[in-house]
Amino acid sequence: MAVSTQRVALVTGASRGIGAATAERLRRDGWHVKTAERSTGVDLADPDQARAAVEGLERIDALVANAGTILRSPALETPLADWQRVLDLNLTSVFVLVQAAARRMVDQEHGGTIVLLASMLSFGGGLNASAYAASKGGVAQLTKAISNEVAGRGVRVNAVAPGYVETEMTADLDDGRRREIDARIPMGRFAQPEEIADVVAFLLSDDARYVTGAIVPVDGGFSAR
């Protein structure tokens, strides 16, 4: 039986929000999309399960490490268990996924591409989200560090840094806070998940073939203000 030549992309956290929009966009672009998340029986905070999500694939041409969480609380009141939970999923699991995927891609004739989900809090500290900010700052630095090591071996590694997006992660903001945030965003609104997915798709495409080590803000101008 002939081996399929269709490109395979693994998208984590694809059951909703940015991950779901990204999976749908990649399918439209002709990718065969595999997903990994709790709904598929994978606990990405467990390094062994994260690694197996990559190693169990017949081939992998792209990785989108999107799965993440946020636990909001003042830093002085954050339990260590909450800190560890956020770092385990948002940073350690991302390293495990990238390491496993990049190893496979380096061994492939055609290489591969990796996009990580950073955040506007990769650049700023925010409020009441110290673990999240630390994890996303780590994702940005991980992107640059690994891209330096694999760029000459056929693998590109980039990150998208979304601002405020209409997802479950922002659904608990009250109307007053929403108005404050909208006023702070030059474009005056939150992003739709599809608008983040479009940039992820670009970074995975051949149109971005000379782009690696980049952290691309997709925040309606928030970080430029």
N, C-alpha and C. Protein backbone atom coordinates (compact mmCIF):
# COMPACT_ATOMS: atom_id res chain seq x y z
N MET A 1 0.85 -1.21 0.00
CA MET A 1 0.00 0.00 0.00
C MET A 1 0.88 1.25 0.00
N ALA A 2 0.57 2.22 -0.86
CA ALA A 2 1.36 3.44 -0.94
C ALA A 2 1.15 4.29 0.29
N VAL A 3 2.24 4.92 0.72
CA VAL A 3 2.17 5.81 1.87
C VAL A 3 1.64 7.17 1.42
N SER A 4 0.67 7.70 2.16
CA SER A 4 0.07 8.99 1.79
C SER A 4 1.11 10.09 1.83
N THR A 5 1.03 10.99 0.84
CA THR A 5 1.94 12.13 0.81
C THR A 5 1.27 13.40 1.33
N GLN A 6 0.03 13.28 1.81
CA GLN A 6 -0.66 14.46 2.35
C GLN A 6 0.07 14.93 3.61
N ARG A 7 0.26 16.23 3.71
CA ARG A 7 0.96 16.78 4.86
C ARG A 7 0.11 16.62 6.12
N VAL A 8 0.77 16.27 7.21
CA VAL A 8 0.09 16.03 8.48
C VAL A 8 0.47 17.12 9.48
N ALA A 9 -0.54 17.72 10.09
CA ALA A 9 -0.33 18.74 11.12
C ALA A 9 -0.96 18.25 12.42
N LEU A 10 -0.22 18.37 13.51
CA LEU A 10 -0.74 18.08 14.84
C LEU A 10 -1.08 19.40 15.51
N VAL A 11 -2.34 19.55 15.92
CA VAL A 11 -2.79 20.76 16.61
C VAL A 11 -3.25 20.36 18.00
N THR A 12 -2.67 20.95 19.03
CA THR A 12 -3.09 20.64 20.39
C THR A 12 -4.14 21.66 20.84
N GLY A 13 -5.02 21.20 21.73
CA GLY A 13 -6.07 22.09 22.23
C GLY A 13 -7.02 22.53 21.14
N ALA A 14 -7.43 21.59 20.27
CA ALA A 14 -8.21 21.95 19.08
C ALA A 14 -9.70 21.79 19.26
N SER A 15 -10.17 21.60 20.48
CA SER A 15 -11.60 21.39 20.67
C SER A 15 -12.39 22.69 20.69
N ARG A 16 -11.72 23.83 20.83
CA ARG A 16 -12.43 25.10 20.92
C ARG A 16 -11.47 26.25 20.64
N GLY A 17 -12.03 27.43 20.53
CA GLY A 17 -11.24 28.66 20.42
C GLY A 17 -10.24 28.67 19.28
N ILE A 18 -9.05 29.17 19.58
CA ILE A 18 -8.01 29.32 18.55
C ILE A 18 -7.63 27.97 17.96
N GLY A 19 -7.55 26.94 18.81
CA GLY A 19 -7.17 25.63 18.31
C GLY A 19 -8.16 25.08 17.31
N ALA A 20 -9.46 25.20 17.61
CA ALA A 20 -10.49 24.72 16.70
C ALA A 20 -10.46 25.49 15.39
N ALA A 21 -10.30 26.81 15.48
CA ALA A 21 -10.24 27.63 14.27
C ALA A 21 -9.02 27.29 13.43
N THR A 22 -7.90 27.00 14.10
CA THR A 22 -6.68 26.65 13.38
C THR A 22 -6.83 25.30 12.68
N ALA A 23 -7.38 24.33 13.39
CA ALA A 23 -7.58 23.02 12.77
C ALA A 23 -8.46 23.12 11.53
N GLU A 24 -9.53 23.90 11.63
CA GLU A 24 -10.43 24.07 10.49
C GLU A 24 -9.74 24.77 9.33
N ARG A 25 -8.96 25.80 9.62
CA ARG A 25 -8.26 26.53 8.57
C ARG A 25 -7.25 25.61 7.87
N LEU A 26 -6.52 24.82 8.63
CA LEU A 26 -5.52 23.94 8.03
C LEU A 26 -6.18 22.86 7.17
N ARG A 27 -7.32 22.37 7.61
CA ARG A 27 -8.04 21.40 6.77
C ARG A 27 -8.41 22.03 5.43
N ARG A 28 -8.87 23.27 5.47
CA ARG A 28 -9.22 23.95 4.21
C ARG A 28 -8.00 24.14 3.33
N ASP A 29 -6.83 24.27 3.96
CA ASP A 29 -5.59 24.45 3.20
C ASP A 29 -5.00 23.13 2.71
N GLY A 30 -5.68 22.02 3.01
CA GLY A 30 -5.23 20.74 2.48
C GLY A 30 -4.41 19.88 3.43
N TRP A 31 -4.27 20.32 4.68
CA TRP A 31 -3.54 19.52 5.66
C TRP A 31 -4.43 18.39 6.18
N HIS A 32 -3.80 17.26 6.50
CA HIS A 32 -4.48 16.22 7.28
C HIS A 32 -4.21 16.55 8.75
N VAL A 33 -5.24 16.93 9.47
CA VAL A 33 -5.07 17.46 10.83
C VAL A 33 -5.33 16.38 11.87
N LYS A 34 -4.36 16.20 12.75
CA LYS A 34 -4.51 15.36 13.92
C LYS A 34 -4.59 16.28 15.13
N THR A 35 -5.35 15.88 16.15
CA THR A 35 -5.50 16.72 17.33
C THR A 35 -5.11 15.95 18.59
N ALA A 36 -4.74 16.69 19.61
CA ALA A 36 -4.40 16.10 20.91
C ALA A 36 -4.90 17.01 22.00
N GLU A 37 -5.71 16.46 22.90
CA GLU A 37 -6.28 17.22 24.00
C GLU A 37 -7.03 16.24 24.90
N ARG A 38 -7.59 16.75 25.97
CA ARG A 38 -8.29 15.87 26.90
C ARG A 38 -9.45 15.14 26.23
N SER A 39 -10.12 15.81 25.28
CA SER A 39 -11.27 15.18 24.63
C SER A 39 -10.87 13.98 23.77
N THR A 40 -9.59 13.88 23.42
CA THR A 40 -9.09 12.72 22.69
C THR A 40 -8.33 11.78 23.61
N GLY A 41 -8.44 12.01 24.92
CA GLY A 41 -7.83 11.13 25.90
C GLY A 41 -6.38 11.42 26.19
N VAL A 42 -5.89 12.60 25.82
CA VAL A 42 -4.49 12.95 26.02
C VAL A 42 -4.38 14.06 27.06
N ASP A 43 -3.62 13.81 28.12
CA ASP A 43 -3.32 14.83 29.12
C ASP A 43 -1.96 15.40 28.79
N LEU A 44 -1.94 16.55 28.13
CA LEU A 44 -0.69 17.12 27.65
C LEU A 44 0.21 17.60 28.78
N ALA A 45 -0.35 17.77 29.97
CA ALA A 45 0.48 18.15 31.11
C ALA A 45 1.35 16.99 31.59
N ASP A 46 1.05 15.80 31.11
CA ASP A 46 1.87 14.62 31.40
C ASP A 46 2.91 14.50 30.28
N PRO A 47 4.20 14.67 30.58
CA PRO A 47 5.21 14.64 29.51
C PRO A 47 5.18 13.38 28.67
N ASP A 48 4.93 12.24 29.29
CA ASP A 48 4.91 11.00 28.52
C ASP A 48 3.77 10.99 27.51
N GLN A 49 2.60 11.51 27.91
CA GLN A 49 1.47 11.55 26.98
C GLN A 49 1.69 12.58 25.89
N ALA A 50 2.30 13.70 26.23
CA ALA A 50 2.59 14.72 25.21
C ALA A 50 3.56 14.17 24.17
N ARG A 51 4.58 13.50 24.65
CA ARG A 51 5.57 12.91 23.73
C ARG A 51 4.93 11.85 22.85
N ALA A 52 4.08 11.02 23.45
CA ALA A 52 3.42 9.96 22.68
C ALA A 52 2.49 10.51 21.61
N ALA A 53 1.91 11.69 21.86
CA ALA A 53 1.02 12.30 20.86
C ALA A 53 1.76 12.58 19.56
N VAL A 54 3.04 12.87 19.66
CA VAL A 54 3.86 13.10 18.47
C VAL A 54 4.41 11.79 17.93
N GLU A 55 4.96 10.99 18.81
CA GLU A 55 5.65 9.78 18.37
C GLU A 55 4.69 8.74 17.80
N GLY A 56 3.40 8.85 18.14
CA GLY A 56 2.42 7.89 17.63
C GLY A 56 1.95 8.18 16.21
N LEU A 57 2.35 9.31 15.66
CA LEU A 57 1.93 9.67 14.30
C LEU A 57 2.81 8.98 13.26
N GLU A 58 2.20 8.59 12.15
CA GLU A 58 2.98 7.98 11.07
C GLU A 58 3.96 9.00 10.47
N ARG A 59 3.50 10.24 10.36
CA ARG A 59 4.37 11.33 9.90
C ARG A 59 3.88 12.62 10.53
N ILE A 60 4.76 13.60 10.60
CA ILE A 60 4.36 14.91 11.11
C ILE A 60 5.13 15.98 10.34
N ASP A 61 4.38 16.86 9.71
CA ASP A 61 4.98 17.93 8.92
C ASP A 61 4.83 19.29 9.60
N ALA A 62 3.89 19.39 10.54
CA ALA A 62 3.68 20.65 11.24
C ALA A 62 3.15 20.37 12.64
N LEU A 63 3.56 21.21 13.56
CA LEU A 63 3.04 21.18 14.93
C LEU A 63 2.53 22.56 15.28
N VAL A 64 1.32 22.63 15.81
CA VAL A 64 0.78 23.86 16.38
C VAL A 64 0.51 23.57 17.86
N ALA A 65 1.37 24.09 18.73
CA ALA A 65 1.24 23.85 20.17
C ALA A 65 0.37 24.96 20.76
N ASN A 66 -0.91 24.69 20.80
CA ASN A 66 -1.89 25.70 21.18
C ASN A 66 -2.45 25.51 22.59
N ALA A 67 -2.50 24.28 23.08
CA ALA A 67 -3.15 24.01 24.36
C ALA A 67 -2.53 24.83 25.49
N GLY A 68 -3.38 25.40 26.32
CA GLY A 68 -2.88 26.19 27.45
C GLY A 68 -4.00 26.51 28.41
N THR A 69 -3.62 27.08 29.54
CA THR A 69 -4.61 27.44 30.55
C THR A 69 -4.16 28.71 31.27
N ILE A 70 -5.09 29.35 31.94
CA ILE A 70 -4.79 30.52 32.76
C ILE A 70 -5.56 30.39 34.07
N LEU A 71 -4.89 30.67 35.16
CA LEU A 71 -5.51 30.72 36.48
C LEU A 71 -5.22 32.09 37.05
N ARG A 72 -6.26 32.91 37.18
CA ARG A 72 -6.06 34.29 37.60
C ARG A 72 -6.09 34.41 39.12
N SER A 73 -5.07 35.04 39.67
CA SER A 73 -5.03 35.36 41.10
C SER A 73 -3.84 36.28 41.33
N PRO A 74 -3.90 37.14 42.36
CA PRO A 74 -2.75 37.97 42.68
C PRO A 74 -1.53 37.09 42.98
N ALA A 75 -0.36 37.53 42.54
CA ALA A 75 0.84 36.73 42.71
C ALA A 75 1.09 36.36 44.17
N LEU A 76 0.80 37.28 45.08
CA LEU A 76 1.07 37.02 46.49
C LEU A 76 0.12 36.00 47.10
N GLU A 77 -0.94 35.67 46.35
CA GLU A 77 -1.92 34.70 46.86
C GLU A 77 -1.99 33.43 46.01
N THR A 78 -1.13 33.31 45.02
CA THR A 78 -1.19 32.16 44.11
C THR A 78 -0.61 30.91 44.78
N PRO A 79 -1.40 29.85 44.92
CA PRO A 79 -0.87 28.60 45.47
C PRO A 79 0.19 28.01 44.54
N LEU A 80 1.18 27.39 45.11
CA LEU A 80 2.24 26.79 44.30
C LEU A 80 1.67 25.74 43.34
N ALA A 81 0.63 25.03 43.78
CA ALA A 81 0.03 24.02 42.91
C ALA A 81 -0.56 24.65 41.65
N ASP A 82 -1.16 25.84 41.77
CA ASP A 82 -1.70 26.53 40.60
C ASP A 82 -0.57 26.98 39.67
N TRP A 83 0.48 27.53 40.27
CA TRP A 83 1.66 27.93 39.48
C TRP A 83 2.18 26.74 38.68
N GLN A 84 2.33 25.61 39.35
CA GLN A 84 2.90 24.43 38.69
C GLN A 84 1.99 23.91 37.60
N ARG A 85 0.68 23.94 37.85
CA ARG A 85 -0.28 23.46 36.85
C ARG A 85 -0.17 24.26 35.56
N VAL A 86 -0.08 25.59 35.68
CA VAL A 86 0.02 26.44 34.50
C VAL A 86 1.34 26.20 33.77
N LEU A 87 2.44 26.14 34.51
CA LEU A 87 3.75 25.93 33.88
C LEU A 87 3.83 24.55 33.22
N ASP A 88 3.24 23.54 33.85
CA ASP A 88 3.29 22.20 33.27
C ASP A 88 2.64 22.15 31.90
N LEU A 89 1.46 22.78 31.77
CA LEU A 89 0.74 22.72 30.50
C LEU A 89 1.23 23.75 29.50
N ASN A 90 1.48 24.96 29.96
CA ASN A 90 1.79 26.05 29.04
C ASN A 90 3.24 26.08 28.57
N LEU A 91 4.15 25.49 29.34
CA LEU A 91 5.56 25.59 28.97
C LEU A 91 6.25 24.23 28.89
N THR A 92 6.17 23.44 29.96
CA THR A 92 6.88 22.16 29.92
C THR A 92 6.33 21.25 28.83
N SER A 93 5.02 21.17 28.72
CA SER A 93 4.45 20.30 27.68
C SER A 93 4.80 20.81 26.29
N VAL A 94 4.89 22.13 26.15
CA VAL A 94 5.26 22.70 24.85
C VAL A 94 6.69 22.29 24.49
N PHE A 95 7.60 22.35 25.46
CA PHE A 95 8.97 21.91 25.20
C PHE A 95 9.00 20.44 24.78
N VAL A 96 8.25 19.60 25.49
CA VAL A 96 8.24 18.18 25.17
C VAL A 96 7.71 17.95 23.76
N LEU A 97 6.62 18.63 23.40
CA LEU A 97 6.04 18.49 22.07
C LEU A 97 7.01 18.96 20.99
N VAL A 98 7.62 20.11 21.22
CA VAL A 98 8.54 20.66 20.23
C VAL A 98 9.76 19.76 20.07
N GLN A 99 10.29 19.30 21.18
CA GLN A 99 11.46 18.41 21.12
C GLN A 99 11.14 17.16 20.31
N ALA A 100 10.01 16.53 20.61
CA ALA A 100 9.64 15.30 19.91
C ALA A 100 9.38 15.55 18.43
N ALA A 101 8.66 16.65 18.13
CA ALA A 101 8.34 16.96 16.73
C ALA A 101 9.59 17.34 15.95
N ALA A 102 10.44 18.18 16.53
CA ALA A 102 11.64 18.62 15.83
C ALA A 102 12.59 17.45 15.55
N ARG A 103 12.67 16.51 16.48
CA ARG A 103 13.50 15.32 16.23
C ARG A 103 13.02 14.58 15.00
N ARG A 104 11.69 14.40 14.89
CA ARG A 104 11.13 13.72 13.73
C ARG A 104 11.40 14.51 12.46
N MET A 105 11.18 15.82 12.53
CA MET A 105 11.32 16.66 11.34
C MET A 105 12.75 16.73 10.84
N VAL A 106 13.71 16.78 11.76
CA VAL A 106 15.12 16.81 11.37
C VAL A 106 15.48 15.55 10.60
N ASP A 107 14.88 14.43 10.96
CA ASP A 107 15.18 13.15 10.31
C ASP A 107 14.46 12.98 8.98
N GLN A 108 13.49 13.86 8.70
CA GLN A 108 12.74 13.78 7.44
C GLN A 108 13.45 14.55 6.34
N GLU A 109 13.35 14.04 5.13
CA GLU A 109 13.96 14.74 4.00
C GLU A 109 13.37 16.13 3.83
N HIS A 110 12.05 16.26 4.10
CA HIS A 110 11.36 17.52 3.82
C HIS A 110 11.25 18.43 5.03
N GLY A 111 11.86 18.09 6.15
CA GLY A 111 11.84 18.97 7.32
C GLY A 111 10.46 19.14 7.91
N GLY A 112 10.16 20.37 8.35
CA GLY A 112 8.85 20.63 8.94
C GLY A 112 8.77 22.03 9.50
N THR A 113 7.59 22.37 10.02
CA THR A 113 7.36 23.69 10.57
C THR A 113 6.62 23.58 11.90
N ILE A 114 6.94 24.49 12.81
CA ILE A 114 6.36 24.50 14.15
C ILE A 114 5.88 25.91 14.47
N VAL A 115 4.68 26.01 14.99
CA VAL A 115 4.16 27.30 15.47
C VAL A 115 3.68 27.11 16.90
N LEU A 116 4.18 27.95 17.80
CA LEU A 116 3.78 27.93 19.19
C LEU A 116 2.84 29.10 19.46
N LEU A 117 2.00 28.95 20.46
CA LEU A 117 1.10 30.04 20.85
C LEU A 117 1.69 30.75 22.05
N ALA A 118 2.24 31.92 21.77
CA ALA A 118 2.72 32.79 22.84
C ALA A 118 1.55 33.68 23.25
N SER A 119 1.82 34.93 23.61
CA SER A 119 0.75 35.82 24.09
C SER A 119 1.31 37.23 24.14
N MET A 120 0.41 38.20 24.22
CA MET A 120 0.88 39.56 24.48
C MET A 120 1.55 39.62 25.85
N LEU A 121 1.22 38.66 26.74
CA LEU A 121 1.89 38.62 28.04
C LEU A 121 3.25 37.94 27.96
N SER A 122 3.69 37.59 26.75
CA SER A 122 5.09 37.23 26.54
C SER A 122 5.96 38.48 26.65
N PHE A 123 5.35 39.65 26.46
CA PHE A 123 6.08 40.91 26.45
C PHE A 123 5.80 41.77 27.68
N GLY A 124 4.66 41.56 28.33
CA GLY A 124 4.29 42.36 29.50
C GLY A 124 3.79 41.46 30.61
N GLY A 125 3.76 41.97 31.81
CA GLY A 125 3.41 41.14 32.96
C GLY A 125 1.94 41.00 33.23
N GLY A 126 1.11 41.95 32.76
CA GLY A 126 -0.31 41.90 33.04
C GLY A 126 -0.62 42.05 34.52
N LEU A 127 -1.81 41.66 34.90
CA LEU A 127 -2.25 41.73 36.29
C LEU A 127 -2.90 40.41 36.68
N ASN A 128 -2.55 39.92 37.86
CA ASN A 128 -3.19 38.72 38.42
C ASN A 128 -3.05 37.50 37.53
N ALA A 129 -1.93 37.42 36.80
CA ALA A 129 -1.70 36.28 35.90
C ALA A 129 -0.21 35.96 35.84
N SER A 130 0.44 35.93 37.00
CA SER A 130 1.89 35.79 37.02
C SER A 130 2.36 34.47 36.42
N ALA A 131 1.68 33.38 36.72
CA ALA A 131 2.09 32.09 36.18
C ALA A 131 1.90 32.07 34.66
N TYR A 132 0.78 32.59 34.21
CA TYR A 132 0.52 32.63 32.77
C TYR A 132 1.56 33.48 32.05
N ALA A 133 1.84 34.67 32.59
CA ALA A 133 2.82 35.55 31.97
C ALA A 133 4.20 34.90 31.93
N ALA A 134 4.58 34.26 33.03
CA ALA A 134 5.89 33.58 33.07
C ALA A 134 5.94 32.45 32.04
N SER A 135 4.86 31.69 31.93
CA SER A 135 4.85 30.59 30.97
C SER A 135 4.92 31.08 29.53
N LYS A 136 4.21 32.16 29.23
CA LYS A 136 4.20 32.65 27.86
C LYS A 136 5.48 33.40 27.51
N GLY A 137 6.10 34.03 28.52
CA GLY A 137 7.44 34.58 28.28
C GLY A 137 8.41 33.47 27.95
N GLY A 138 8.26 32.33 28.65
CA GLY A 138 9.09 31.17 28.36
C GLY A 138 8.85 30.62 26.97
N VAL A 139 7.60 30.61 26.52
CA VAL A 139 7.29 30.13 25.17
C VAL A 139 7.99 30.98 24.12
N ALA A 140 7.99 32.29 24.32
CA ALA A 140 8.65 33.18 23.36
C ALA A 140 10.15 32.90 23.29
N GLN A 141 10.77 32.73 24.45
CA GLN A 141 12.21 32.45 24.46
C GLN A 141 12.51 31.06 23.92
N LEU A 142 11.64 30.10 24.21
CA LEU A 142 11.81 28.75 23.68
C LEU A 142 11.75 28.77 22.15
N THR A 143 10.83 29.55 21.62
CA THR A 143 10.72 29.68 20.16
C THR A 143 12.04 30.11 19.56
N LYS A 144 12.61 31.15 20.13
CA LYS A 144 13.87 31.68 19.57
C LYS A 144 15.02 30.71 19.76
N ALA A 145 15.10 30.12 20.96
CA ALA A 145 16.22 29.23 21.26
C ALA A 145 16.23 28.00 20.35
N ILE A 146 15.07 27.35 20.20
CA ILE A 146 15.03 26.15 19.39
C ILE A 146 15.17 26.47 17.91
N SER A 147 14.60 27.61 17.49
CA SER A 147 14.73 27.97 16.07
C SER A 147 16.20 28.12 15.69
N ASN A 148 17.01 28.63 16.58
CA ASN A 148 18.44 28.79 16.29
C ASN A 148 19.12 27.45 16.06
N GLU A 149 18.65 26.42 16.75
CA GLU A 149 19.31 25.12 16.68
C GLU A 149 18.87 24.29 15.48
N VAL A 150 17.66 24.52 14.98
CA VAL A 150 17.15 23.64 13.92
C VAL A 150 16.95 24.33 12.58
N ALA A 151 17.18 25.64 12.51
CA ALA A 151 16.94 26.37 11.26
C ALA A 151 17.79 25.81 10.12
N GLY A 152 19.01 25.40 10.41
CA GLY A 152 19.88 24.86 9.37
C GLY A 152 19.64 23.40 9.08
N ARG A 153 18.62 22.84 9.73
CA ARG A 153 18.32 21.41 9.56
C ARG A 153 16.92 21.19 9.00
N GLY A 154 16.39 22.22 8.36
CA GLY A 154 15.13 22.08 7.64
C GLY A 154 13.87 22.29 8.45
N VAL A 155 14.01 22.86 9.66
CA VAL A 155 12.83 23.06 10.51
C VAL A 155 12.72 24.52 10.89
N ARG A 156 11.53 25.09 10.66
CA ARG A 156 11.26 26.46 11.07
C ARG A 156 10.41 26.46 12.34
N VAL A 157 10.72 27.37 13.27
CA VAL A 157 9.98 27.48 14.52
C VAL A 157 9.62 28.95 14.75
N ASN A 158 8.33 29.23 14.83
CA ASN A 158 7.84 30.58 15.06
C ASN A 158 6.74 30.55 16.12
N ALA A 159 6.33 31.73 16.55
CA ALA A 159 5.22 31.81 17.51
C ALA A 159 4.29 32.95 17.12
N VAL A 160 3.04 32.77 17.43
CA VAL A 160 2.03 33.82 17.32
C VAL A 160 1.71 34.30 18.73
N ALA A 161 1.63 35.61 18.91
CA ALA A 161 1.34 36.19 20.22
C ALA A 161 0.01 36.92 20.15
N PRO A 162 -1.09 36.21 20.41
CA PRO A 162 -2.40 36.87 20.35
C PRO A 162 -2.59 37.87 21.48
N GLY A 163 -3.41 38.87 21.18
CA GLY A 163 -3.89 39.75 22.23
C GLY A 163 -5.18 39.18 22.78
N TYR A 164 -6.14 40.05 23.05
CA TYR A 164 -7.44 39.60 23.56
C TYR A 164 -8.25 38.97 22.43
N VAL A 165 -8.74 37.76 22.67
CA VAL A 165 -9.48 37.01 21.66
C VAL A 165 -10.81 36.56 22.26
N GLU A 166 -11.84 36.51 21.43
CA GLU A 166 -13.16 36.06 21.88
C GLU A 166 -13.15 34.54 22.06
N THR A 167 -12.74 34.11 23.24
CA THR A 167 -12.71 32.69 23.58
C THR A 167 -13.22 32.51 25.00
N GLU A 168 -13.29 31.26 25.43
CA GLU A 168 -13.71 30.99 26.81
C GLU A 168 -12.75 31.61 27.82
N MET A 169 -11.50 31.82 27.44
CA MET A 169 -10.51 32.36 28.35
C MET A 169 -10.81 33.81 28.72
N THR A 170 -11.54 34.50 27.85
CA THR A 170 -11.88 35.91 28.12
C THR A 170 -13.36 36.10 28.41
N ALA A 171 -14.12 35.01 28.44
CA ALA A 171 -15.58 35.12 28.59
C ALA A 171 -16.00 35.62 29.96
N ASP A 172 -15.12 35.50 30.96
CA ASP A 172 -15.51 35.90 32.31
C ASP A 172 -15.24 37.38 32.61
N LEU A 173 -14.75 38.13 31.62
CA LEU A 173 -14.52 39.55 31.83
C LEU A 173 -15.85 40.29 31.88
N ASP A 174 -16.04 41.14 32.89
CA ASP A 174 -17.31 41.86 32.98
C ASP A 174 -17.35 43.01 31.97
N ASP A 175 -18.54 43.60 31.80
CA ASP A 175 -18.73 44.61 30.75
C ASP A 175 -17.83 45.81 30.95
N GLY A 176 -17.65 46.22 32.20
CA GLY A 176 -16.79 47.38 32.46
C GLY A 176 -15.37 47.12 32.05
N ARG A 177 -14.85 45.95 32.39
CA ARG A 177 -13.48 45.60 32.01
C ARG A 177 -13.35 45.47 30.50
N ARG A 178 -14.36 44.91 29.86
CA ARG A 178 -14.35 44.81 28.40
C ARG A 178 -14.24 46.18 27.75
N ARG A 179 -15.00 47.14 28.26
CA ARG A 179 -14.95 48.49 27.68
C ARG A 179 -13.56 49.11 27.87
N GLU A 180 -12.97 48.89 29.02
CA GLU A 180 -11.62 49.40 29.28
C GLU A 180 -10.62 48.81 28.28
N ILE A 181 -10.72 47.51 28.07
CA ILE A 181 -9.79 46.83 27.17
C ILE A 181 -10.00 47.29 25.73
N ASP A 182 -11.25 47.34 25.30
CA ASP A 182 -11.54 47.80 23.93
C ASP A 182 -10.96 49.18 23.69
N ALA A 183 -11.05 50.05 24.69
CA ALA A 183 -10.53 51.41 24.56
C ALA A 183 -9.01 51.43 24.46
N ARG A 184 -8.38 50.40 24.99
CA ARG A 184 -6.91 50.30 24.99
C ARG A 184 -6.37 49.70 23.69
N ILE A 185 -7.23 48.98 22.96
CA ILE A 185 -6.82 48.35 21.70
C ILE A 185 -7.04 49.32 20.56
N PRO A 186 -5.98 49.70 19.80
CA PRO A 186 -6.17 50.65 18.71
C PRO A 186 -7.27 50.26 17.73
N MET A 187 -7.45 48.98 17.45
CA MET A 187 -8.51 48.56 16.53
C MET A 187 -9.87 48.51 17.21
N GLY A 188 -9.91 48.68 18.53
CA GLY A 188 -11.16 48.86 19.25
C GLY A 188 -12.00 47.63 19.50
N ARG A 189 -11.41 46.42 19.36
CA ARG A 189 -12.21 45.20 19.56
C ARG A 189 -11.29 44.03 19.84
N PHE A 190 -11.90 42.95 20.36
CA PHE A 190 -11.18 41.69 20.53
C PHE A 190 -11.06 40.99 19.17
N ALA A 191 -10.06 40.12 19.04
CA ALA A 191 -9.93 39.31 17.83
C ALA A 191 -10.92 38.17 17.83
N GLN A 192 -11.24 37.68 16.66
CA GLN A 192 -11.94 36.42 16.51
C GLN A 192 -10.90 35.30 16.37
N PRO A 193 -11.17 34.09 16.87
CA PRO A 193 -10.18 33.01 16.76
C PRO A 193 -9.67 32.79 15.34
N GLU A 194 -10.54 32.98 14.36
CA GLU A 194 -10.13 32.77 12.96
C GLU A 194 -9.03 33.73 12.54
N GLU A 195 -8.99 34.91 13.15
CA GLU A 195 -7.97 35.89 12.78
C GLU A 195 -6.59 35.47 13.28
N ILE A 196 -6.56 34.73 14.37
CA ILE A 196 -5.29 34.17 14.85
C ILE A 196 -4.92 32.98 13.98
N ALA A 197 -5.90 32.15 13.66
CA ALA A 197 -5.65 30.97 12.84
C ALA A 197 -5.07 31.33 11.48
N ASP A 198 -5.51 32.44 10.92
CA ASP A 198 -4.99 32.86 9.60
C ASP A 198 -3.49 33.11 9.65
N VAL A 199 -3.01 33.68 10.74
CA VAL A 199 -1.58 33.97 10.86
C VAL A 199 -0.80 32.69 11.12
N VAL A 200 -1.37 31.79 11.92
CA VAL A 200 -0.74 30.48 12.11
C VAL A 200 -0.58 29.79 10.76
N ALA A 201 -1.63 29.79 9.97
CA ALA A 201 -1.60 29.13 8.66
C ALA A 201 -0.53 29.75 7.77
N PHE A 202 -0.40 31.07 7.81
CA PHE A 202 0.66 31.72 7.02
C PHE A 202 2.03 31.24 7.45
N LEU A 203 2.27 31.19 8.75
CA LEU A 203 3.59 30.78 9.24
C LEU A 203 3.92 29.34 8.89
N LEU A 204 2.89 28.50 8.74
CA LEU A 204 3.12 27.11 8.35
C LEU A 204 3.30 26.96 6.84
N SER A 205 2.94 27.97 6.10
CA SER A 205 2.92 27.86 4.64
C SER A 205 4.29 28.15 4.03
N ASP A 206 4.42 27.81 2.76
CA ASP A 206 5.65 28.11 2.04
C ASP A 206 5.84 29.60 1.82
N ASP A 207 4.77 30.38 1.97
CA ASP A 207 4.92 31.83 1.86
C ASP A 207 5.81 32.38 2.98
N ALA A 208 5.95 31.63 4.06
CA ALA A 208 6.78 32.06 5.19
C ALA A 208 8.08 31.25 5.25
N ARG A 209 8.54 30.77 4.11
CA ARG A 209 9.67 29.84 4.09
C ARG A 209 10.98 30.44 4.58
N TYR A 210 11.07 31.79 4.66
CA TYR A 210 12.29 32.42 5.17
C TYR A 210 12.04 33.06 6.54
N VAL A 211 10.98 32.65 7.20
CA VAL A 211 10.63 33.20 8.51
C VAL A 211 10.86 32.13 9.57
N THR A 212 11.74 32.40 10.51
CA THR A 212 11.93 31.51 11.65
C THR A 212 12.45 32.32 12.83
N GLY A 213 12.12 31.87 14.03
CA GLY A 213 12.52 32.58 15.24
C GLY A 213 11.71 33.84 15.51
N ALA A 214 10.58 34.00 14.82
CA ALA A 214 9.77 35.21 14.95
C ALA A 214 8.66 35.02 15.98
N ILE A 215 8.37 36.08 16.72
CA ILE A 215 7.22 36.12 17.62
C ILE A 215 6.29 37.18 17.03
N VAL A 216 5.19 36.77 16.44
CA VAL A 216 4.34 37.68 15.68
C VAL A 216 3.14 38.12 16.52
N PRO A 217 3.08 39.39 16.91
CA PRO A 217 1.90 39.87 17.64
C PRO A 217 0.68 39.92 16.73
N VAL A 218 -0.44 39.43 17.22
CA VAL A 218 -1.71 39.52 16.50
C VAL A 218 -2.70 40.05 17.52
N ASP A 219 -2.64 41.37 17.74
CA ASP A 219 -3.32 41.95 18.91
C ASP A 219 -4.04 43.25 18.63
N GLY A 220 -4.31 43.53 17.36
CA GLY A 220 -5.03 44.75 17.02
C GLY A 220 -4.28 46.02 17.36
N GLY A 221 -2.96 45.91 17.53
CA GLY A 221 -2.14 47.08 17.84
C GLY A 221 -1.86 47.29 19.31
N PHE A 222 -2.36 46.39 20.16
CA PHE A 222 -2.24 46.56 21.62
C PHE A 222 -0.80 46.75 22.05
N SER A 223 0.11 45.91 21.55
CA SER A 223 1.51 45.97 22.00
C SER A 223 2.28 47.13 21.40
N ALA A 224 1.72 47.76 20.37
CA ALA A 224 2.40 48.90 19.75
C ALA A 224 2.07 50.21 20.42
N ARG A 225 1.07 50.18 21.29
CA ARG A 225 0.60 51.45 21.88
C ARG A 225 1.47 51.87 23.06
